[in-house]
PDB file of all heavy atoms in Angstrom:
ATOM      1  N   PHE A   1       0.762  -1.262  -0.002  1.00  0.00           N
ATOM      2  CA  PHE A   1       0.032  -0.003  -0.054  1.00  0.00           C
ATOM      3  C   PHE A   1       0.834   1.344  -0.005  1.00  0.00           C
ATOM      4  O   PHE A   1       0.264   2.355   0.194  1.00  0.00           O
ATOM      5  CB  PHE A   1      -0.986   0.041   1.201  1.00  0.00           C
ATOM      6  CG  PHE A   1      -0.381  -0.099   2.545  1.00  0.00           C
ATOM      7  CD1 PHE A   1       0.069   1.031   3.198  1.00  0.00           C
ATOM      8  CD2 PHE A   1      -0.311  -1.315   3.151  1.00  0.00           C
ATOM      9  CE1 PHE A   1       0.639   0.942   4.458  1.00  0.00           C
ATOM     10  CE2 PHE A   1       0.245  -1.386   4.444  1.00  0.00           C
ATOM     11  CZ  PHE A   1       0.719  -0.271   5.107  1.00  0.00           C
ATOM     12  N   GLY A   2       2.118   1.243  -0.252  1.00  0.00           N
ATOM     13  CA  GLY A   2       2.894   2.439  -0.258  1.00  0.00           C
ATOM     14  C   GLY A   2       2.492   3.404  -1.345  1.00  0.00           C
ATOM     15  O   GLY A   2       2.392   4.603  -1.076  1.00  0.00           O
ATOM     16  N   LYS A   3       2.316   2.918  -2.560  1.00  0.00           N
ATOM     17  CA  LYS A   3       1.930   3.769  -3.667  1.00  0.00           C
ATOM     18  C   LYS A   3       0.482   4.369  -3.480  1.00  0.00           C
ATOM     19  O   LYS A   3       0.277   5.561  -3.693  1.00  0.00           O
ATOM     20  CB  LYS A   3       1.939   3.034  -5.013  1.00  0.00           C
ATOM     21  CG  LYS A   3       1.464   3.973  -6.198  1.00  0.00           C
ATOM     22  CD  LYS A   3       1.744   3.364  -7.519  1.00  0.00           C
ATOM     23  CE  LYS A   3       1.373   4.155  -8.675  1.00  0.00           C
ATOM     24  NZ  LYS A   3       0.883   5.527  -8.498  1.00  0.00           N
ATOM     25  N   GLU A   4      -0.385   3.581  -2.895  1.00  0.00           N
ATOM     26  CA  GLU A   4      -1.704   4.103  -2.596  1.00  0.00           C
ATOM     27  C   GLU A   4      -1.676   5.196  -1.549  1.00  0.00           C
ATOM     28  O   GLU A   4      -2.362   6.235  -1.729  1.00  0.00           O
ATOM     29  CB  GLU A   4      -2.606   2.954  -2.034  1.00  0.00           C
ATOM     30  CG  GLU A   4      -4.006   3.339  -1.612  1.00  0.00           C
ATOM     31  CD  GLU A   4      -4.734   2.191  -0.943  1.00  0.00           C
ATOM     32  OE1 GLU A   4      -4.442   1.029  -1.193  1.00  0.00           O
ATOM     33  OE2 GLU A   4      -5.650   2.523  -0.140  1.00  0.00           O
ATOM     34  N   LEU A   5      -0.894   5.001  -0.540  1.00  0.00           N
ATOM     35  CA  LEU A   5      -0.652   6.029   0.471  1.00  0.00           C
ATOM     36  C   LEU A   5      -0.045   7.291  -0.099  1.00  0.00           C
ATOM     37  O   LEU A   5      -0.499   8.444   0.162  1.00  0.00           O
ATOM     38  CB  LEU A   5       0.129   5.546   1.630  1.00  0.00           C
ATOM     39  CG  LEU A   5       0.410   6.439   2.857  1.00  0.00           C
ATOM     40  CD1 LEU A   5      -0.870   6.911   3.462  1.00  0.00           C
ATOM     41  CD2 LEU A   5       1.365   5.811   3.822  1.00  0.00           C
ATOM     42  N   ASP A   6       0.924   7.130  -0.907  1.00  0.00           N
ATOM     43  CA  ASP A   6       1.631   8.275  -1.543  1.00  0.00           C
ATOM     44  C   ASP A   6       0.647   9.020  -2.485  1.00  0.00           C
ATOM     45  O   ASP A   6       0.549  10.254  -2.430  1.00  0.00           O
ATOM     46  CB  ASP A   6       2.858   7.788  -2.370  1.00  0.00           C
ATOM     47  CG  ASP A   6       3.661   8.939  -2.917  1.00  0.00           C
ATOM     48  OD1 ASP A   6       3.636  10.039  -2.412  1.00  0.00           O
ATOM     49  OD2 ASP A   6       4.324   8.676  -3.949  1.00  0.00           O
ATOM     50  N   ASP A   7      -0.121   8.279  -3.247  1.00  0.00           N
ATOM     51  CA  ASP A   7      -1.121   8.938  -4.129  1.00  0.00           C
ATOM     52  C   ASP A   7      -2.148   9.644  -3.416  1.00  0.00           C
ATOM     53  O   ASP A   7      -2.605  10.815  -3.734  1.00  0.00           O
ATOM     54  CB  ASP A   7      -1.784   7.878  -5.105  1.00  0.00           C
ATOM     55  CG  ASP A   7      -0.815   7.359  -6.109  1.00  0.00           C
ATOM     56  OD1 ASP A   7       0.292   7.918  -6.305  1.00  0.00           O
ATOM     57  OD2 ASP A   7      -1.155   6.288  -6.720  1.00  0.00           O
ATOM     58  N   TYR A   8      -2.672   9.055  -2.319  1.00  0.00           N
ATOM     59  CA  TYR A   8      -3.720   9.666  -1.461  1.00  0.00           C
ATOM     60  C   TYR A   8      -3.122  11.035  -0.887  1.00  0.00           C
ATOM     61  O   TYR A   8      -3.797  12.012  -0.864  1.00  0.00           O
ATOM     62  CB  TYR A   8      -4.117   8.707  -0.358  1.00  0.00           C
ATOM     63  CG  TYR A   8      -5.108   9.289   0.621  1.00  0.00           C
ATOM     64  CD1 TYR A   8      -6.425   9.625   0.275  1.00  0.00           C
ATOM     65  CD2 TYR A   8      -4.686   9.524   1.921  1.00  0.00           C
ATOM     66  CE1 TYR A   8      -7.351  10.127   1.165  1.00  0.00           C
ATOM     67  CE2 TYR A   8      -5.609  10.081   2.852  1.00  0.00           C
ATOM     68  CZ  TYR A   8      -6.881  10.349   2.452  1.00  0.00           C
ATOM     69  OH  TYR A   8      -7.734  10.829   3.392  1.00  0.00           O
ATOM     70  N   ARG A   9      -1.954  10.962  -0.350  1.00  0.00           N
ATOM     71  CA  ARG A   9      -1.316  12.133   0.261  1.00  0.00           C
ATOM     72  C   ARG A   9      -1.103  13.210  -0.819  1.00  0.00           C
ATOM     73  O   ARG A   9      -1.326  14.376  -0.551  1.00  0.00           O
ATOM     74  CB  ARG A   9       0.051  11.728   0.837  1.00  0.00           C
ATOM     75  CG  ARG A   9       0.546  12.723   1.876  1.00  0.00           C
ATOM     76  CD  ARG A   9       1.294  13.923   1.462  1.00  0.00           C
ATOM     77  NE  ARG A   9       2.125  13.789   0.274  1.00  0.00           N
ATOM     78  CZ  ARG A   9       2.606  14.814  -0.400  1.00  0.00           C
ATOM     79  NH1 ARG A   9       2.438  16.038   0.043  1.00  0.00           N
ATOM     80  NH2 ARG A   9       3.357  14.664  -1.445  1.00  0.00           N
ATOM     81  N   SER A  10      -0.724  12.846  -2.036  1.00  0.00           N
ATOM     82  CA  SER A  10      -0.522  13.800  -3.106  1.00  0.00           C
ATOM     83  C   SER A  10      -1.794  14.505  -3.447  1.00  0.00           C
ATOM     84  O   SER A  10      -1.801  15.794  -3.553  1.00  0.00           O
ATOM     85  CB  SER A  10       0.039  13.164  -4.358  1.00  0.00           C
ATOM     86  OG  SER A  10       1.375  12.737  -4.154  1.00  0.00           O
ATOM     87  N   GLU A  11      -2.870  13.825  -3.513  1.00  0.00           N
ATOM     88  CA  GLU A  11      -4.178  14.461  -3.784  1.00  0.00           C
ATOM     89  C   GLU A  11      -4.654  15.358  -2.696  1.00  0.00           C
ATOM     90  O   GLU A  11      -5.191  16.453  -2.907  1.00  0.00           O
ATOM     91  CB  GLU A  11      -5.218  13.374  -4.119  1.00  0.00           C
ATOM     92  CG  GLU A  11      -5.125  12.807  -5.491  1.00  0.00           C
ATOM     93  CD  GLU A  11      -5.094  13.792  -6.599  1.00  0.00           C
ATOM     94  OE1 GLU A  11      -6.032  14.670  -6.632  1.00  0.00           O
ATOM     95  OE2 GLU A  11      -4.188  13.728  -7.441  1.00  0.00           O
ATOM     96  N   LEU A  12      -4.460  14.896  -1.411  1.00  0.00           N
ATOM     97  CA  LEU A  12      -4.822  15.709  -0.259  1.00  0.00           C
ATOM     98  C   LEU A  12      -4.043  17.007  -0.293  1.00  0.00           C
ATOM     99  O   LEU A  12      -4.485  18.058  -0.041  1.00  0.00           O
ATOM    100  CB  LEU A  12      -4.479  14.903   1.010  1.00  0.00           C
ATOM    101  CG  LEU A  12      -4.799  15.618   2.299  1.00  0.00           C
ATOM    102  CD1 LEU A  12      -6.218  15.948   2.504  1.00  0.00           C
ATOM    103  CD2 LEU A  12      -4.220  14.792   3.474  1.00  0.00           C
ATOM    104  N   PHE A  13      -2.693  16.919  -0.580  1.00  0.00           N
ATOM    105  CA  PHE A  13      -1.835  18.101  -0.603  1.00  0.00           C
ATOM    106  C   PHE A  13      -2.364  19.031  -1.661  1.00  0.00           C
ATOM    107  O   PHE A  13      -2.482  20.225  -1.413  1.00  0.00           O
ATOM    108  CB  PHE A  13      -0.402  17.754  -0.850  1.00  0.00           C
ATOM    109  CG  PHE A  13       0.520  18.881  -0.718  1.00  0.00           C
ATOM    110  CD1 PHE A  13       1.002  19.341   0.510  1.00  0.00           C
ATOM    111  CD2 PHE A  13       0.868  19.662  -1.844  1.00  0.00           C
ATOM    112  CE1 PHE A  13       1.810  20.510   0.648  1.00  0.00           C
ATOM    113  CE2 PHE A  13       1.665  20.781  -1.746  1.00  0.00           C
ATOM    114  CZ  PHE A  13       2.166  21.204  -0.521  1.00  0.00           C
ATOM    115  N   LYS A  14      -2.579  18.568  -2.833  1.00  0.00           N
ATOM    116  CA  LYS A  14      -3.034  19.420  -3.969  1.00  0.00           C
ATOM    117  C   LYS A  14      -4.372  20.194  -3.620  1.00  0.00           C
ATOM    118  O   LYS A  14      -4.472  21.337  -3.903  1.00  0.00           O
ATOM    119  CB  LYS A  14      -3.210  18.681  -5.280  1.00  0.00           C
ATOM    120  CG  LYS A  14      -1.904  18.317  -5.904  1.00  0.00           C
ATOM    121  CD  LYS A  14      -2.167  17.438  -7.121  1.00  0.00           C
ATOM    122  CE  LYS A  14      -0.782  16.938  -7.608  1.00  0.00           C
ATOM    123  NZ  LYS A  14      -0.946  15.931  -8.671  1.00  0.00           N
ATOM    124  N   LYS A  15      -5.337  19.458  -3.062  1.00  0.00           N
ATOM    125  CA  LYS A  15      -6.602  20.031  -2.758  1.00  0.00           C
ATOM    126  C   LYS A  15      -6.615  20.959  -1.537  1.00  0.00           C
ATOM    127  O   LYS A  15      -7.243  22.021  -1.587  1.00  0.00           O
ATOM    128  CB  LYS A  15      -7.641  18.881  -2.498  1.00  0.00           C
ATOM    129  CG  LYS A  15      -8.018  18.123  -3.733  1.00  0.00           C
ATOM    130  CD  LYS A  15      -9.012  17.027  -3.434  1.00  0.00           C
ATOM    131  CE  LYS A  15      -9.292  16.228  -4.712  1.00  0.00           C
ATOM    132  NZ  LYS A  15     -10.051  15.065  -4.424  1.00  0.00           N
ATOM    133  N   GLU A  16      -5.967  20.603  -0.452  1.00  0.00           N
ATOM    134  CA  GLU A  16      -6.063  21.332   0.755  1.00  0.00           C
ATOM    135  C   GLU A  16      -4.876  22.177   1.177  1.00  0.00           C
ATOM    136  O   GLU A  16      -5.015  23.101   1.890  1.00  0.00           O
ATOM    137  CB  GLU A  16      -6.404  20.324   1.881  1.00  0.00           C
ATOM    138  CG  GLU A  16      -7.782  19.699   1.672  1.00  0.00           C
ATOM    139  CD  GLU A  16      -8.260  18.915   2.898  1.00  0.00           C
ATOM    140  OE1 GLU A  16      -7.907  19.304   4.008  1.00  0.00           O
ATOM    141  OE2 GLU A  16      -9.005  17.950   2.647  1.00  0.00           O
ATOM    142  N   TYR A  17      -3.667  21.790   0.731  1.00  0.00           N
ATOM    143  CA  TYR A  17      -2.467  22.465   1.223  1.00  0.00           C
ATOM    144  C   TYR A  17      -1.813  23.365   0.191  1.00  0.00           C
ATOM    145  O   TYR A  17      -1.257  24.405   0.553  1.00  0.00           O
ATOM    146  CB  TYR A  17      -1.435  21.444   1.694  1.00  0.00           C
ATOM    147  CG  TYR A  17      -1.906  20.766   2.980  1.00  0.00           C
ATOM    148  CD1 TYR A  17      -2.659  19.589   2.906  1.00  0.00           C
ATOM    149  CD2 TYR A  17      -1.583  21.274   4.223  1.00  0.00           C
ATOM    150  CE1 TYR A  17      -3.096  18.997   4.041  1.00  0.00           C
ATOM    151  CE2 TYR A  17      -2.030  20.652   5.345  1.00  0.00           C
ATOM    152  CZ  TYR A  17      -2.739  19.491   5.284  1.00  0.00           C
ATOM    153  OH  TYR A  17      -3.175  18.905   6.433  1.00  0.00           O
ATOM    154  N   LEU A  18      -1.882  23.013  -1.055  1.00  0.00           N
ATOM    155  CA  LEU A  18      -1.250  23.818  -2.157  1.00  0.00           C
ATOM    156  C   LEU A  18      -1.653  25.261  -2.125  1.00  0.00           C
ATOM    157  O   LEU A  18      -0.863  26.150  -2.272  1.00  0.00           O
ATOM    158  CB  LEU A  18      -1.465  23.201  -3.530  1.00  0.00           C
ATOM    159  CG  LEU A  18      -0.626  23.712  -4.612  1.00  0.00           C
ATOM    160  CD1 LEU A  18       0.919  23.542  -4.347  1.00  0.00           C
ATOM    161  CD2 LEU A  18      -0.977  22.929  -5.912  1.00  0.00           C
ATOM    162  N   PRO A  19      -2.925  25.561  -1.872  1.00  0.00           N
ATOM    163  CA  PRO A  19      -3.359  26.960  -1.861  1.00  0.00           C
ATOM    164  C   PRO A  19      -2.696  27.767  -0.722  1.00  0.00           C
ATOM    165  O   PRO A  19      -2.752  28.968  -0.683  1.00  0.00           O
ATOM    166  CB  PRO A  19      -4.888  26.921  -1.706  1.00  0.00           C
ATOM    167  CG  PRO A  19      -5.301  25.573  -2.199  1.00  0.00           C
ATOM    168  CD  PRO A  19      -4.097  24.670  -1.897  1.00  0.00           C
ATOM    169  N   LYS A  20      -2.196  27.049   0.284  1.00  0.00           N
ATOM    170  CA  LYS A  20      -1.594  27.748   1.458  1.00  0.00           C
ATOM    171  C   LYS A  20      -0.073  27.989   1.287  1.00  0.00           C
ATOM    172  O   LYS A  20       0.547  28.651   2.115  1.00  0.00           O
ATOM    173  CB  LYS A  20      -1.833  26.826   2.664  1.00  0.00           C
ATOM    174  CG  LYS A  20      -3.273  26.628   3.098  1.00  0.00           C
ATOM    175  CD  LYS A  20      -3.403  25.730   4.249  1.00  0.00           C
ATOM    176  CE  LYS A  20      -4.853  25.383   4.522  1.00  0.00           C
ATOM    177  NZ  LYS A  20      -5.006  24.444   5.668  1.00  0.00           N
ATOM    178  N   VAL A  21       0.515  27.386   0.291  1.00  0.00           N
ATOM    179  CA  VAL A  21       1.928  27.581  -0.002  1.00  0.00           C
ATOM    180  C   VAL A  21       2.248  29.010  -0.358  1.00  0.00           C
ATOM    181  O   VAL A  21       1.549  29.612  -1.173  1.00  0.00           O
ATOM    182  CB  VAL A  21       2.448  26.607  -1.142  1.00  0.00           C
ATOM    183  CG1 VAL A  21       3.884  26.942  -1.471  1.00  0.00           C
ATOM    184  CG2 VAL A  21       2.275  25.180  -0.746  1.00  0.00           C
ATOM    185  N   ARG A  22       3.284  29.540   0.258  1.00  0.00           N
ATOM    186  CA  ARG A  22       3.700  30.893  -0.009  1.00  0.00           C
ATOM    187  C   ARG A  22       5.166  30.926  -0.396  1.00  0.00           C
ATOM    188  O   ARG A  22       5.981  30.116   0.088  1.00  0.00           O
ATOM    189  CB  ARG A  22       3.514  31.789   1.220  1.00  0.00           C
ATOM    190  CG  ARG A  22       2.117  31.907   1.672  1.00  0.00           C
ATOM    191  CD  ARG A  22       1.283  32.664   0.702  1.00  0.00           C
ATOM    192  NE  ARG A  22      -0.126  32.731   1.011  1.00  0.00           N
ATOM    193  CZ  ARG A  22      -1.039  32.023   0.364  1.00  0.00           C
ATOM    194  NH1 ARG A  22      -0.730  31.222  -0.668  1.00  0.00           N
ATOM    195  NH2 ARG A  22      -2.366  32.052   0.690  1.00  0.00           N
ATOM    196  N   PRO A  23       5.542  31.838  -1.284  1.00  0.00           N
ATOM    197  CA  PRO A  23       6.951  31.934  -1.719  1.00  0.00           C
ATOM    198  C   PRO A  23       7.768  32.535  -0.516  1.00  0.00           C
ATOM    199  O   PRO A  23       7.277  33.360   0.255  1.00  0.00           O
ATOM    200  CB  PRO A  23       6.931  32.861  -2.879  1.00  0.00           C
ATOM    201  CG  PRO A  23       5.690  33.661  -2.724  1.00  0.00           C
ATOM    202  CD  PRO A  23       4.731  32.810  -2.011  1.00  0.00           C
ATOM    203  N   PHE A  24       9.048  32.161  -0.497  1.00  0.00           N
ATOM    204  CA  PHE A  24       9.948  32.866   0.434  1.00  0.00           C
ATOM    205  C   PHE A  24      10.142  34.276  -0.144  1.00  0.00           C
ATOM    206  O   PHE A  24       9.954  34.510  -1.327  1.00  0.00           O
ATOM    207  CB  PHE A  24      11.315  32.100   0.555  1.00  0.00           C
ATOM    208  CG  PHE A  24      11.216  30.900   1.382  1.00  0.00           C
ATOM    209  CD1 PHE A  24      11.448  29.666   0.873  1.00  0.00           C
ATOM    210  CD2 PHE A  24      10.950  30.998   2.763  1.00  0.00           C
ATOM    211  CE1 PHE A  24      11.368  28.492   1.655  1.00  0.00           C
ATOM    212  CE2 PHE A  24      10.863  29.848   3.559  1.00  0.00           C
ATOM    213  CZ  PHE A  24      11.092  28.612   3.005  1.00  0.00           C
ATOM    214  N   PRO A  25      10.468  35.203   0.755  1.00  0.00           N
ATOM    215  CA  PRO A  25      10.594  36.553   0.288  1.00  0.00           C
ATOM    216  C   PRO A  25      11.689  36.755  -0.786  1.00  0.00           C
ATOM    217  O   PRO A  25      12.770  36.097  -0.753  1.00  0.00           O
ATOM    218  CB  PRO A  25      10.996  37.390   1.541  1.00  0.00           C
ATOM    219  CG  PRO A  25      10.563  36.506   2.630  1.00  0.00           C
ATOM    220  CD  PRO A  25      10.634  35.078   2.176  1.00  0.00           C
ATOM    221  N   LYS A  26      11.361  37.571  -1.803  1.00  0.00           N
ATOM    222  CA  LYS A  26      12.319  38.018  -2.855  1.00  0.00           C
ATOM    223  C   LYS A  26      12.913  36.899  -3.709  1.00  0.00           C
ATOM    224  O   LYS A  26      14.062  37.035  -4.189  1.00  0.00           O
ATOM    225  CB  LYS A  26      13.413  38.882  -2.187  1.00  0.00           C
ATOM    226  CG  LYS A  26      12.787  40.092  -1.508  1.00  0.00           C
ATOM    227  CD  LYS A  26      13.908  41.020  -1.033  1.00  0.00           C
ATOM    228  CE  LYS A  26      13.325  42.113  -0.197  1.00  0.00           C
ATOM    229  NZ  LYS A  26      13.068  43.362  -0.939  1.00  0.00           N
ATOM    230  N   VAL A  27      12.179  35.863  -3.890  1.00  0.00           N
ATOM    231  CA  VAL A  27      12.691  34.709  -4.742  1.00  0.00           C
ATOM    232  C   VAL A  27      12.892  35.186  -6.120  1.00  0.00           C
ATOM    233  O   VAL A  27      13.955  35.022  -6.755  1.00  0.00           O
ATOM    234  CB  VAL A  27      11.752  33.520  -4.664  1.00  0.00           C
ATOM    235  CG1 VAL A  27      12.177  32.490  -5.719  1.00  0.00           C
ATOM    236  CG2 VAL A  27      11.746  32.839  -3.285  1.00  0.00           C
ATOM    237  N   ARG A  28      11.863  35.842  -6.717  1.00  0.00           N
ATOM    238  CA  ARG A  28      11.969  36.328  -8.095  1.00  0.00           C
ATOM    239  C   ARG A  28      13.166  37.317  -8.244  1.00  0.00           C
ATOM    240  O   ARG A  28      13.904  37.249  -9.182  1.00  0.00           O
ATOM    241  CB  ARG A  28      10.691  36.914  -8.587  1.00  0.00           C
ATOM    242  CG  ARG A  28      10.814  37.380 -10.017  1.00  0.00           C
ATOM    243  CD  ARG A  28       9.441  37.576 -10.689  1.00  0.00           C
ATOM    244  NE  ARG A  28       9.439  38.241 -11.966  1.00  0.00           N
ATOM    245  CZ  ARG A  28      10.082  37.835 -13.062  1.00  0.00           C
ATOM    246  NH1 ARG A  28      10.918  36.829 -13.034  1.00  0.00           N
ATOM    247  NH2 ARG A  28       9.988  38.461 -14.189  1.00  0.00           N
ATOM    248  N   GLU A  29      13.325  38.200  -7.237  1.00  0.00           N
ATOM    249  CA  GLU A  29      14.336  39.176  -7.283  1.00  0.00           C
ATOM    250  C   GLU A  29      15.778  38.468  -7.289  1.00  0.00           C
ATOM    251  O   GLU A  29      16.670  38.904  -7.928  1.00  0.00           O
ATOM    252  CB  GLU A  29      14.253  40.182  -6.123  1.00  0.00           C
ATOM    253  CG  GLU A  29      13.082  41.116  -6.204  1.00  0.00           C
ATOM    254  CD  GLU A  29      11.750  40.632  -5.627  1.00  0.00           C
ATOM    255  OE1 GLU A  29      11.645  39.349  -5.444  1.00  0.00           O
ATOM    256  OE2 GLU A  29      10.874  41.348  -5.410  1.00  0.00           O
TER     257      GLU A  29
END
């Protein structure tokens, strides 16, 4: 079940956590 767990976590991250990700200051600069 390792792949199943990894896939489940990936979907959870995309749906609930990705919108919360913020860039570190001045990355583009």
